[in-house]
PDB file of N, CA and C in Angstrom:
ATOM      1  N   UNK A   1      -2.130  -5.642  10.394  1.00  0.00           N
ATOM      2  CA  UNK A   1      -2.980  -5.747   9.273  1.00  0.00           C
ATOM      3  C   UNK A   1      -2.196  -5.348   7.995  1.00  0.00           C
ATOM      4  N   UNK A   2      -2.465  -5.691   6.860  1.00  0.00           N
ATOM      5  CA  UNK A   2      -2.186  -5.223   5.499  1.00  0.00           C
ATOM      6  C   UNK A   2      -3.293  -4.755   4.726  1.00  0.00           C
ATOM      7  N   UNK A   3      -3.258  -3.437   4.299  1.00  0.00           N
ATOM      8  CA  UNK A   3      -4.222  -2.784   3.384  1.00  0.00           C
ATOM      9  C   UNK A   3      -3.855  -2.407   2.259  1.00  0.00           C
ATOM     10  N   UNK A   4      -4.555  -2.393   1.092  1.00  0.00           N
ATOM     11  CA  UNK A   4      -4.099  -1.968  -0.255  1.00  0.00           C
ATOM     12  C   UNK A   4      -5.116  -0.797  -0.574  1.00  0.00           C
ATOM     13  N   UNK A   5      -4.514   0.405  -0.650  1.00  0.00           N
ATOM     14  CA  UNK A   5      -5.507   1.465  -1.093  1.00  0.00           C
ATOM     15  C   UNK A   5      -5.360   1.791  -2.535  1.00  0.00           C
ATOM     16  N   UNK A   6      -6.297   2.069  -3.308  1.00  0.00           N
ATOM     17  CA  UNK A   6      -6.341   2.484  -4.644  1.00  0.00           C
ATOM     18  C   UNK A   6      -6.956   3.980  -4.626  1.00  0.00           C
ATOM     19  N   UNK A   7      -6.021   4.864  -5.331  1.00  0.00           N
ATOM     20  CA  UNK A   7      -6.312   6.219  -5.304  1.00  0.00           C
ATOM     21  C   UNK A   7      -6.513   6.597  -7.004  1.00  0.00           C
ATOM     22  N   UNK A   8      -7.392   7.397  -7.258  1.00  0.00           N
ATOM     23  CA  UNK A   8      -7.658   7.924  -8.639  1.00  0.00           C
ATOM     24  C   UNK A   8      -7.983   9.331  -8.589  1.00  0.00           C
ATOM     25  N   UNK A   9      -7.340   9.988  -9.839  1.00  0.00           N
ATOM     26  CA  UNK A   9      -7.836  11.319  -9.848  1.00  0.00           C
ATOM     27  C   UNK A   9      -9.193  11.609  -9.931  1.00  0.00           C
ATOM     28  N   UNK A  10      -9.629  12.653  -9.035  1.00  0.00           N
ATOM     29  CA  UNK A  10     -10.914  13.109  -9.035  1.00  0.00           C
ATOM     30  C   UNK A  10     -11.538  13.813 -10.194  1.00  0.00           C
ATOM     31  N   UNK A  11     -10.414  14.404 -10.955  1.00  0.00           N
ATOM     32  CA  UNK A  11     -10.878  15.119 -12.147  1.00  0.00           C
ATOM     33  C   UNK A  11     -11.090  14.301 -13.435  1.00  0.00           C
ATOM     34  N   UNK A  12     -10.823  12.949 -13.217  1.00  0.00           N
ATOM     35  CA  UNK A  12     -11.004  11.951 -14.323  1.00  0.00           C
ATOM     36  C   UNK A  12     -10.011  11.897 -15.328  1.00  0.00           C
ATOM     37  N   UNK A  13      -8.876  12.776 -15.301  1.00  0.00           N
ATOM     38  CA  UNK A  13      -7.805  12.964 -16.379  1.00  0.00           C
ATOM     39  C   UNK A  13      -6.612  12.162 -15.515  1.00  0.00           C
ATOM     40  N   UNK A  14      -5.817  11.386 -16.638  1.00  0.00           N
ATOM     41  CA  UNK A  14      -4.742  10.755 -16.022  1.00  0.00           C
ATOM     42  C   UNK A  14      -3.507  11.822 -15.898  1.00  0.00           C
ATOM     43  N   UNK A  15      -2.773  11.385 -14.750  1.00  0.00           N
ATOM     44  CA  UNK A  15      -1.777  12.394 -14.357  1.00  0.00           C
ATOM     45  C   UNK A  15      -0.367  11.882 -14.567  1.00  0.00           C
ATOM     46  N   UNK A  16       0.392  12.746 -15.379  1.00  0.00           N
ATOM     47  CA  UNK A  16       1.887  12.251 -15.540  1.00  0.00           C
ATOM     48  C   UNK A  16       2.552  12.558 -14.291  1.00  0.00           C
ATOM     49  N   UNK A  17       2.241  13.203 -13.291  1.00  0.00           N
ATOM     50  CA  UNK A  17       2.789  13.515 -12.033  1.00  0.00           C
ATOM     51  C   UNK A  17       2.236  12.476 -10.874  1.00  0.00           C
ATOM     52  N   UNK A  18       1.621  11.502 -11.162  1.00  0.00           N
ATOM     53  CA  UNK A  18       1.163  10.567 -10.234  1.00  0.00           C
ATOM     54  C   UNK A  18       2.199  10.046  -9.358  1.00  0.00           C
ATOM     55  N   UNK A  19       3.431   9.481  -9.869  1.00  0.00           N
ATOM     56  CA  UNK A  19       4.485   9.160  -9.063  1.00  0.00           C
ATOM     57  C   UNK A  19       4.975  10.330  -7.831  1.00  0.00           C
ATOM     58  N   UNK A  20       4.861  11.598  -8.218  1.00  0.00           N
ATOM     59  CA  UNK A  20       5.228  12.519  -7.312  1.00  0.00           C
ATOM     60  C   UNK A  20       4.046  12.750  -6.425  1.00  0.00           C
ATOM     61  N   UNK A  21       2.813  12.762  -6.817  1.00  0.00           N
ATOM     62  CA  UNK A  21       1.609  12.686  -6.034  1.00  0.00           C
ATOM     63  C   UNK A  21       1.733  11.595  -5.083  1.00  0.00           C
ATOM     64  N   UNK A  22       1.894  10.442  -5.507  1.00  0.00           N
ATOM     65  CA  UNK A  22       2.111   9.326  -4.794  1.00  0.00           C
ATOM     66  C   UNK A  22       3.008   9.308  -3.499  1.00  0.00           C
ATOM     67  N   UNK A  23       4.177   9.930  -3.816  1.00  0.00           N
ATOM     68  CA  UNK A  23       5.112  10.289  -2.677  1.00  0.00           C
ATOM     69  C   UNK A  23       4.555  11.437  -1.843  1.00  0.00           C
ATOM     70  N   UNK A  24       3.841  12.390  -2.277  1.00  0.00           N
ATOM     71  CA  UNK A  24       3.304  13.553  -1.409  1.00  0.00           C
ATOM     72  C   UNK A  24       2.392  12.753  -0.765  1.00  0.00           C
ATOM     73  N   UNK A  25       1.629  11.793  -1.022  1.00  0.00           N
ATOM     74  CA  UNK A  25       0.546  11.223  -0.043  1.00  0.00           C
ATOM     75  C   UNK A  25       1.208  10.500   1.017  1.00  0.00           C
ATOM     76  N   UNK A  26       2.341   9.788   0.408  1.00  0.00           N
ATOM     77  CA  UNK A  26       3.060   8.995   1.524  1.00  0.00           C
ATOM     78  C   UNK A  26       3.632   9.610   2.754  1.00  0.00           C
ATOM     79  N   UNK A  27       4.178  10.960   2.193  1.00  0.00           N
ATOM     80  CA  UNK A  27       4.633  11.763   3.218  1.00  0.00           C
ATOM     81  C   UNK A  27       3.749  12.334   4.122  1.00  0.00           C
ATOM     82  N   UNK A  28       2.458  12.360   3.803  1.00  0.00           N
ATOM     83  CA  UNK A  28       1.340  12.823   4.693  1.00  0.00           C
ATOM     84  C   UNK A  28       0.749  11.814   5.500  1.00  0.00           C
ATOM     85  N   UNK A  29       1.051  10.531   5.397  1.00  0.00           N
ATOM     86  CA  UNK A  29       0.511   9.312   5.840  1.00  0.00           C
ATOM     87  C   UNK A  29       1.147   9.402   7.497  1.00  0.00           C
ATOM     88  N   UNK A  30       0.534   8.800   8.451  1.00  0.00           N
ATOM     89  CA  UNK A  30       1.189   8.530   9.729  1.00  0.00           C
ATOM     90  C   UNK A  30       2.533   7.953   9.646  1.00  0.00           C
ATOM     91  N   UNK A  31       3.447   8.167  10.473  1.00  0.00           N
ATOM     92  CA  UNK A  31       4.713   7.689  10.364  1.00  0.00           C
ATOM     93  C   UNK A  31       4.649   6.243  11.143  1.00  0.00           C
ATOM     94  N   UNK A  32       3.495   6.096  11.896  1.00  0.00           N
ATOM     95  CA  UNK A  32       3.487   4.671  12.632  1.00  0.00           C
ATOM     96  C   UNK A  32       3.293   3.605  11.499  1.00  0.00           C
ATOM     97  N   UNK A  33       2.693   4.006  10.316  1.00  0.00           N
ATOM     98  CA  UNK A  33       2.357   3.000   9.299  1.00  0.00           C
ATOM     99  C   UNK A  33       3.572   2.768   8.411  1.00  0.00           C
ATOM    100  N   UNK A  34       3.709   1.370   7.971  1.00  0.00           N
ATOM    101  CA  UNK A  34       4.752   1.121   7.038  1.00  0.00           C
ATOM    102  C   UNK A  34       4.150   0.974   5.761  1.00  0.00           C
ATOM    103  N   UNK A  35       4.672   1.788   4.791  1.00  0.00           N
ATOM    104  CA  UNK A  35       3.925   2.085   3.642  1.00  0.00           C
ATOM    105  C   UNK A  35       4.924   1.559   2.363  1.00  0.00           C
ATOM    106  N   UNK A  36       4.025   1.071   1.233  1.00  0.00           N
ATOM    107  CA  UNK A  36       4.793   0.852  -0.144  1.00  0.00           C
ATOM    108  C   UNK A  36       4.159   1.407  -1.210  1.00  0.00           C
ATOM    109  N   UNK A  37       4.589   2.234  -2.024  1.00  0.00           N
ATOM    110  CA  UNK A  37       4.042   2.826  -3.134  1.00  0.00           C
ATOM    111  C   UNK A  37       4.126   2.064  -4.444  1.00  0.00           C
ATOM    112  N   UNK A  38       2.996   1.707  -5.013  1.00  0.00           N
ATOM    113  CA  UNK A  38       2.700   0.992  -6.310  1.00  0.00           C
ATOM    114  C   UNK A  38       2.233   1.973  -7.153  1.00  0.00           C
ATOM    115  N   UNK A  39       2.248   1.473  -8.461  1.00  0.00           N
ATOM    116  CA  UNK A  39       1.734   2.276  -9.621  1.00  0.00           C
ATOM    117  C   UNK A  39       0.961   1.321 -10.381  1.00  0.00           C
ATOM    118  N   UNK A  40      -0.179   1.784 -11.144  1.00  0.00           N
ATOM    119  CA  UNK A  40      -0.969   1.058 -11.872  1.00  0.00           C
ATOM    120  C   UNK A  40      -1.711   1.939 -12.891  1.00  0.00           C
ATOM    121  N   UNK A  41      -1.333   2.088 -14.006  1.00  0.00           N
ATOM    122  CA  UNK A  41      -1.993   2.824 -15.153  1.00  0.00           C
ATOM    123  C   UNK A  41      -2.681   4.017 -14.714  1.00  0.00           C
ATOM    124  N   UNK A  42      -2.024   5.100 -14.027  1.00  0.00           N
ATOM    125  CA  UNK A  42      -2.538   6.308 -13.624  1.00  0.00           C
ATOM    126  C   UNK A  42      -2.988   6.296 -12.371  1.00  0.00           C
ATOM    127  N   UNK A  43      -3.357   5.297 -11.742  1.00  0.00           N
ATOM    128  CA  UNK A  43      -3.903   5.190 -10.450  1.00  0.00           C
ATOM    129  C   UNK A  43      -2.798   4.989  -9.385  1.00  0.00           C
ATOM    130  N   UNK A  44      -2.850   5.442  -8.209  1.00  0.00           N
ATOM    131  CA  UNK A  44      -1.727   5.214  -7.196  1.00  0.00           C
ATOM    132  C   UNK A  44      -2.287   4.066  -6.328  1.00  0.00           C
ATOM    133  N   UNK A  45      -1.298   3.091  -6.143  1.00  0.00           N
ATOM    134  CA  UNK A  45      -1.708   2.007  -5.230  1.00  0.00           C
ATOM    135  C   UNK A  45      -0.863   1.925  -3.983  1.00  0.00           C
ATOM    136  N   UNK A  46      -1.241   2.078  -3.014  1.00  0.00           N
ATOM    137  CA  UNK A  46      -0.352   1.991  -1.712  1.00  0.00           C
ATOM    138  C   UNK A  46      -0.706   1.143  -0.785  1.00  0.00           C
ATOM    139  N   UNK A  47       0.272   0.254  -0.349  1.00  0.00           N
ATOM    140  CA  UNK A  47       0.059  -0.694   0.750  1.00  0.00           C
ATOM    141  C   UNK A  47       0.523  -0.354   1.912  1.00  0.00           C
ATOM    142  N   UNK A  48      -0.399  -0.453   2.989  1.00  0.00           N
ATOM    143  CA  UNK A  48      -0.065   0.037   4.357  1.00  0.00           C
ATOM    144  C   UNK A  48      -0.074  -1.097   5.262  1.00  0.00           C
ATOM    145  N   UNK A  49       0.864  -1.252   6.060  1.00  0.00           N
ATOM    146  CA  UNK A  49       1.039  -2.277   7.130  1.00  0.00           C
ATOM    147  C   UNK A  49       0.836  -1.526   8.317  1.00  0.00           C
ATOM    148  N   UNK A  50      -0.133  -1.906   9.124  1.00  0.00           N
ATOM    149  CA  UNK A  50      -0.479  -1.263  10.498  1.00  0.00           C
ATOM    150  C   UNK A  50      -0.693  -2.310  11.735  1.00  0.00           C
ATOM    151  N   UNK A  51      -0.819  -1.927  12.746  1.00  0.00           N
ATOM    152  CA  UNK A  51      -1.238  -2.825  13.922  1.00  0.00           C
ATOM    153  C   UNK A  51      -2.401  -3.600  13.602  1.00  0.00           C
ATOM    154  N   UNK A  52      -2.632  -4.704  14.517  1.00  0.00           N
ATOM    155  CA  UNK A  52      -3.582  -5.423  14.255  1.00  0.00           C
ATOM    156  C   UNK A  52      -5.024  -4.969  14.784  1.00  0.00           C
ATOM    157  N   UNK A  53      -4.955  -3.880  15.558  1.00  0.00           N
ATOM    158  CA  UNK A  53      -6.010  -3.115  16.021  1.00  0.00           C
ATOM    159  C   UNK A  53      -6.830  -2.186  15.173  1.00  0.00           C
ATOM    160  N   UNK A  54      -6.003  -1.748  13.951  1.00  0.00           N
ATOM    161  CA  UNK A  54      -6.474  -0.919  13.246  1.00  0.00           C
ATOM    162  C   UNK A  54      -7.495  -1.586  12.224  1.00  0.00           C
ATOM    163  N   UNK A  55      -8.558  -0.797  11.896  1.00  0.00           N
ATOM    164  CA  UNK A  55      -9.871  -1.428  10.981  1.00  0.00           C
ATOM    165  C   UNK A  55      -9.808  -0.649   9.762  1.00  0.00           C
ATOM    166  N   UNK A  56     -10.394  -1.258   8.782  1.00  0.00           N
ATOM    167  CA  UNK A  56     -10.368  -0.599   7.370  1.00  0.00           C
ATOM    168  C   UNK A  56     -11.160   0.743   7.431  1.00  0.00           C
ATOM    169  N   UNK A  57     -12.291   0.975   8.325  1.00  0.00           N
ATOM    170  CA  UNK A  57     -12.808   2.206   8.461  1.00  0.00           C
ATOM    171  C   UNK A  57     -11.781   3.205   8.893  1.00  0.00           C
ATOM    172  N   UNK A  58     -11.053   2.931   9.849  1.00  0.00           N
ATOM    173  CA  UNK A  58      -9.900   3.890  10.431  1.00  0.00           C
ATOM    174  C   UNK A  58      -9.054   4.212   9.293  1.00  0.00           C
ATOM    175  N   UNK A  59      -8.758   3.406   8.542  1.00  0.00           N
ATOM    176  CA  UNK A  59      -7.687   3.638   7.492  1.00  0.00           C
ATOM    177  C   UNK A  59      -8.316   4.539   6.385  1.00  0.00           C
ATOM    178  N   UNK A  60      -9.583   4.148   6.184  1.00  0.00           N
ATOM    179  CA  UNK A  60     -10.356   5.100   5.075  1.00  0.00           C
ATOM    180  C   UNK A  60     -10.475   6.489   5.571  1.00  0.00           C
ATOM    181  N   UNK A  61     -10.760   6.585   7.107  1.00  0.00           N
ATOM    182  CA  UNK A  61     -11.118   8.160   7.533  1.00  0.00           C
ATOM    183  C   UNK A  61      -9.816   8.788   7.480  1.00  0.00           C
ATOM    184  N   UNK A  62      -8.589   7.946   7.779  1.00  0.00           N
ATOM    185  CA  UNK A  62      -7.382   8.649   7.887  1.00  0.00           C
ATOM    186  C   UNK A  62      -7.064   9.245   6.571  1.00  0.00           C
ATOM    187  N   UNK A  63      -7.096   8.372   5.450  1.00  0.00           N
ATOM    188  CA  UNK A  63      -6.653   8.618   4.064  1.00  0.00           C
ATOM    189  C   UNK A  63      -7.580   9.797   3.544  1.00  0.00           C
ATOM    190  N   UNK A  64      -8.913   9.854   3.671  1.00  0.00           N
ATOM    191  CA  UNK A  64      -9.877  10.838   3.263  1.00  0.00           C
ATOM    192  C   UNK A  64      -9.460  12.327   3.769  1.00  0.00           C
ATOM    193  N   UNK A  65      -8.889  12.059   5.073  1.00  0.00           N
ATOM    194  CA  UNK A  65      -8.532  13.367   5.745  1.00  0.00           C
ATOM    195  C   UNK A  65      -7.233  13.961   5.135  1.00  0.00           C
ATOM    196  N   UNK A  66      -6.284  13.020   4.754  1.00  0.00           N
ATOM    197  CA  UNK A  66      -5.089  13.320   4.070  1.00  0.00           C
ATOM    198  C   UNK A  66      -5.487  13.987   2.734  1.00  0.00           C
ATOM    199  N   UNK A  67      -6.420  13.383   2.009  1.00  0.00           N
ATOM    200  CA  UNK A  67      -6.735  13.993   0.768  1.00  0.00           C
ATOM    201  C   UNK A  67      -7.478  15.288   0.892  1.00  0.00           C
ATOM    202  N   UNK A  68      -7.907  15.825   1.918  1.00  0.00           N
ATOM    203  CA  UNK A  68      -8.562  17.084   2.073  1.00  0.00           C
ATOM    204  C   UNK A  68      -7.125  18.111   1.914  1.00  0.00           C
ATOM    205  N   UNK A  69      -5.937  17.801   2.039  1.00  0.00           N
ATOM    206  CA  UNK A  69      -4.670  18.729   1.751  1.00  0.00           C
ATOM    207  C   UNK A  69      -4.742  19.208   0.161  1.00  0.00           C
ATOM    208  N   UNK A  70      -4.602  20.467   0.298  1.00  0.00           N
ATOM    209  CA  UNK A  70      -4.627  21.141  -1.222  1.00  0.00           C
ATOM    210  C   UNK A  70      -3.676  20.429  -2.259  1.00  0.00           C
ATOM    211  N   UNK A  71      -2.477  20.097  -1.691  1.00  0.00           N
ATOM    212  CA  UNK A  71      -1.508  19.370  -2.597  1.00  0.00           C
ATOM    213  C   UNK A  71      -1.876  18.198  -3.159  1.00  0.00           C
ATOM    214  N   UNK A  72      -2.861  17.378  -2.601  1.00  0.00           N
ATOM    215  CA  UNK A  72      -3.248  16.041  -3.208  1.00  0.00           C
ATOM    216  C   UNK A  72      -4.851  15.989  -3.303  1.00  0.00           C
ATOM    217  N   UNK A  73      -5.400  17.282  -3.264  1.00  0.00           N
ATOM    218  CA  UNK A  73      -6.993  16.918  -2.915  1.00  0.00           C
ATOM    219  C   UNK A  73      -7.612  16.740  -4.320  1.00  0.00           C
ATOM    220  N   UNK A  74      -6.898  16.543  -5.561  1.00  0.00           N
ATOM    221  CA  UNK A  74      -7.356  16.215  -6.702  1.00  0.00           C
ATOM    222  C   UNK A  74      -7.260  14.593  -6.871  1.00  0.00           C
ATOM    223  N   UNK A  75      -7.070  14.029  -5.823  1.00  0.00           N
ATOM    224  CA  UNK A  75      -7.070  12.356  -5.731  1.00  0.00           C
ATOM    225  C   UNK A  75      -8.174  12.075  -4.737  1.00  0.00           C
ATOM    226  N   UNK A  76      -8.857  10.902  -5.070  1.00  0.00           N
ATOM    227  CA  UNK A  76      -9.824  10.372  -4.374  1.00  0.00           C
ATOM    228  C   UNK A  76      -9.502   9.010  -3.943  1.00  0.00           C
ATOM    229  N   UNK A  77      -9.914   8.398  -2.794  1.00  0.00           N
ATOM    230  CA  UNK A  77      -9.914   7.063  -2.437  1.00  0.00           C
ATOM    231  C   UNK A  77     -10.832   6.098  -3.077  1.00  0.00           C
ATOM    232  N   UNK A  78     -10.325   5.227  -4.039  1.00  0.00           N
ATOM    233  CA  UNK A  78     -11.473   4.242  -4.552  1.00  0.00           C
ATOM    234  C   UNK A  78     -11.829   3.168  -3.889  1.00  0.00           C
ATOM    235  N   UNK A  79     -10.691   2.585  -3.316  1.00  0.00           N
ATOM    236  CA  UNK A  79     -10.929   1.350  -2.611  1.00  0.00           C
ATOM    237  C   UNK A  79     -10.008   1.307  -1.520  1.00  0.00           C
ATOM    238  N   UNK A  80     -10.092   0.470  -0.430  1.00  0.00           N
ATOM    239  CA  UNK A  80      -9.369   0.293   0.686  1.00  0.00           C
ATOM    240  C   UNK A  80      -9.615  -1.294   1.227  1.00  0.00           C
ATOM    241  N   UNK A  81      -8.712  -2.180   0.556  1.00  0.00           N
ATOM    242  CA  UNK A  81      -9.056  -3.669   0.690  1.00  0.00           C
ATOM    243  C   UNK A  81      -8.037  -4.183   1.909  1.00  0.00           C
ATOM    244  N   UNK A  82      -8.562  -4.953   2.682  1.00  0.00           N
ATOM    245  CA  UNK A  82      -7.870  -5.562   3.710  1.00  0.00           C
ATOM    246  C   UNK A  82      -7.299  -6.993   3.005  1.00  0.00           C
ATOM    247  N   UNK A  83      -5.991  -7.008   3.071  1.00  0.00           N
ATOM    248  CA  UNK A  83      -5.147  -8.090   2.167  1.00  0.00           C
ATOM    249  C   UNK A  83      -4.862  -9.269   3.249  1.00  0.00           C
ATOM    250  N   UNK A  84      -4.733  -9.042   4.586  1.00  0.00           N
ATOM    251  CA  UNK A  84      -4.148 -10.151   5.385  1.00  0.00           C
ATOM    252  C   UNK A  84      -4.785  -9.822   6.683  1.00  0.00           C
ATOM    253  N   UNK A  85      -4.783 -10.729   7.516  1.00  0.00           N
ATOM    254  CA  UNK A  85      -5.632 -10.722   8.957  1.00  0.00           C
ATOM    255  C   UNK A  85      -4.440 -11.397   9.776  1.00  0.00           C
ATOM    256  N   UNK A  86      -4.091 -10.720  10.844  1.00  0.00           N
ATOM    257  CA  UNK A  86      -3.248 -11.580  11.771  1.00  0.00           C
ATOM    258  C   UNK A  86      -1.661 -11.382  11.494  1.00  0.00           C
ATOM    259  N   UNK A  87      -0.987 -12.127  11.560  1.00  0.00           N
ATOM    260  CA  UNK A  87       0.584 -12.084  11.557  1.00  0.00           C
ATOM    261  C   UNK A  87       0.948 -11.917   9.901  1.00  0.00           C
ATOM    262  N   UNK A  88       1.459 -10.701   9.792  1.00  0.00           N
ATOM    263  CA  UNK A  88       1.696 -10.270   8.288  1.00  0.00           C
ATOM    264  C   UNK A  88       3.386 -10.028   8.259  1.00  0.00           C
ATOM    265  N   UNK A  89       4.035 -10.639   8.997  1.00  0.00           N
ATOM    266  CA  UNK A  89       5.455 -10.356   9.050  1.00  0.00           C
ATOM    267  C   UNK A  89       5.922 -11.058   7.809  1.00  0.00           C
ATOM    268  N   UNK A  90       6.831 -10.510   7.079  1.00  0.00           N
ATOM    269  CA  UNK A  90       7.210 -11.109   5.632  1.00  0.00           C
ATOM    270  C   UNK A  90       8.165 -12.343   6.263  1.00  0.00           C
ATOM    271  N   UNK A  91       8.076 -13.460   5.584  1.00  0.00           N
ATOM    272  CA  UNK A  91       8.841 -14.658   5.876  1.00  0.00           C
ATOM    273  C   UNK A  91       9.805 -14.720   4.568  1.00  0.00           C
ATOM    274  N   UNK A  92      10.877 -15.418   5.150  1.00  0.00           N
ATOM    275  CA  UNK A  92      12.047 -15.671   4.168  1.00  0.00           C
ATOM    276  C   UNK A  92      11.283 -16.662   3.021  1.00  0.00           C
ATOM    277  N   UNK A  93      12.083 -16.725   1.942  1.00  0.00           N
ATOM    278  CA  UNK A  93      11.947 -17.548   0.724  1.00  0.00           C
ATOM    279  C   UNK A  93      11.444 -18.796   1.568  1.00  0.00           C
ATOM    280  N   UNK A  94      10.282 -19.487   1.621  1.00  0.00           N
ATOM    281  CA  UNK A  94       9.974 -20.552   2.224  1.00  0.00           C
ATOM    282  C   UNK A  94      10.546 -21.792   1.556  1.00  0.00           C
ATOM    283  N   UNK A  95      10.444 -21.710   0.274  1.00  0.00           N
ATOM    284  CA  UNK A  95      10.944 -22.956  -0.650  1.00  0.00           C
ATOM    285  C   UNK A  95      12.319 -23.089  -0.234  1.00  0.00           C
ATOM    286  N   UNK A  96      13.195 -22.138  -0.173  1.00  0.00           N
ATOM    287  CA  UNK A  96      14.429 -22.070   0.246  1.00  0.00           C
ATOM    288  C   UNK A  96      14.895 -22.653   1.721  1.00  0.00           C
ATOM    289  N   UNK A  97      13.964 -22.274   2.537  1.00  0.00           N
ATOM    290  CA  UNK A  97      14.228 -22.619   3.989  1.00  0.00           C
ATOM    291  C   UNK A  97      13.640 -24.145   4.076  1.00  0.00           C
ATOM    292  N   UNK A  98      12.743 -24.747   3.147  1.00  0.00           N
ATOM    293  CA  UNK A  98      12.290 -26.041   3.558  1.00  0.00           C
ATOM    294  C   UNK A  98      13.277 -26.963   2.804  1.00  0.00           C
ATOM    295  N   UNK A  99      14.191 -26.618   2.012  1.00  0.00           N
ATOM    296  CA  UNK A  99      15.125 -27.545   1.502  1.00  0.00           C
ATOM    297  C   UNK A  99      16.037 -28.223   2.530  1.00  0.00           C
ATOM    298  N   UNK A 100      16.558 -29.405   2.304  1.00  0.00           N
ATOM    299  CA  UNK A 100      17.470 -30.181   3.088  1.00  0.00           C
ATOM    300  C   UNK A 100      18.799 -29.441   2.761  1.00  0.00           C
ATOM    301  N   UNK A 101      19.741 -29.631   3.705  1.00  0.00           N
ATOM    302  CA  UNK A 101      20.977 -29.181   3.618  1.00  0.00           C
ATOM    303  C   UNK A 101      21.658 -29.927   2.445  1.00  0.00           C
ATOM    304  N   UNK A 102      22.314 -29.165   1.809  1.00  0.00           N
ATOM    305  CA  UNK A 102      23.000 -29.815   0.443  1.00  0.00           C
ATOM    306  C   UNK A 102      22.267 -30.151  -0.814  1.00  0.00           C
ATOM    307  N   UNK A 103      20.947 -29.929  -0.466  1.00  0.00           N
ATOM    308  CA  UNK A 103      20.011 -30.272  -1.762  1.00  0.00           C
ATOM    309  C   UNK A 103      20.113 -29.011  -2.698  1.00  0.00           C
ATOM    310  N   UNK A 104      20.158 -29.512  -3.905  1.00  0.00           N
ATOM    311  CA  UNK A 104      20.183 -28.391  -4.925  1.00  0.00           C
ATOM    312  C   UNK A 104      18.887 -28.472  -5.810  1.00  0.00           C
ATOM    313  N   UNK A 105      18.748 -27.346  -6.435  1.00  0.00           N
ATOM    314  CA  UNK A 105      17.590 -27.128  -7.240  1.00  0.00           C
ATOM    315  C   UNK A 105      17.681 -27.970  -8.594  1.00  0.00           C
ATOM    316  N   UNK A 106      16.626 -28.467  -9.060  1.00  0.00           N
ATOM    317  CA  UNK A 106      16.513 -29.331 -10.113  1.00  0.00           C
ATOM    318  C   UNK A 106      17.318 -28.867 -11.350  1.00  0.00           C
ATOM    319  N   UNK A 107      17.188 -27.547 -11.591  1.00  0.00           N
ATOM    320  CA  UNK A 107      17.804 -26.845 -12.656  1.00  0.00           C
ATOM    321  C   UNK A 107      19.457 -26.617 -12.522  1.00  0.00           C
ATOM    322  N   UNK A 108      19.899 -26.726 -11.382  1.00  0.00           N
ATOM    323  CA  UNK A 108      21.431 -26.657 -11.279  1.00  0.00           C
ATOM    324  C   UNK A 108      22.240 -27.967 -11.586  1.00  0.00           C
TER     325      UNK A 108
END
């Protein structure tokens, strides 16, 4: 499963240190999760890839537990969205894979 977490400062102010805090939060997350840190206007956005058996509620509970850590307790979980269901393995560029041998792009 692929989940996208959005975290925002609970104090309401924007943080200059949000990339550092994002890395701290990633470090506190379970090692069994594959994680990708993204940033958006002061919020921290993290994509988490997990087993198919993990639910949205389990992700939320785990992240809320992480946010009780004093180093990152000034952040709160705003949303946890499920982005994919089932096979989420990244595919190679499908357009390139679908071209016939020797076929060139139109702009070449």
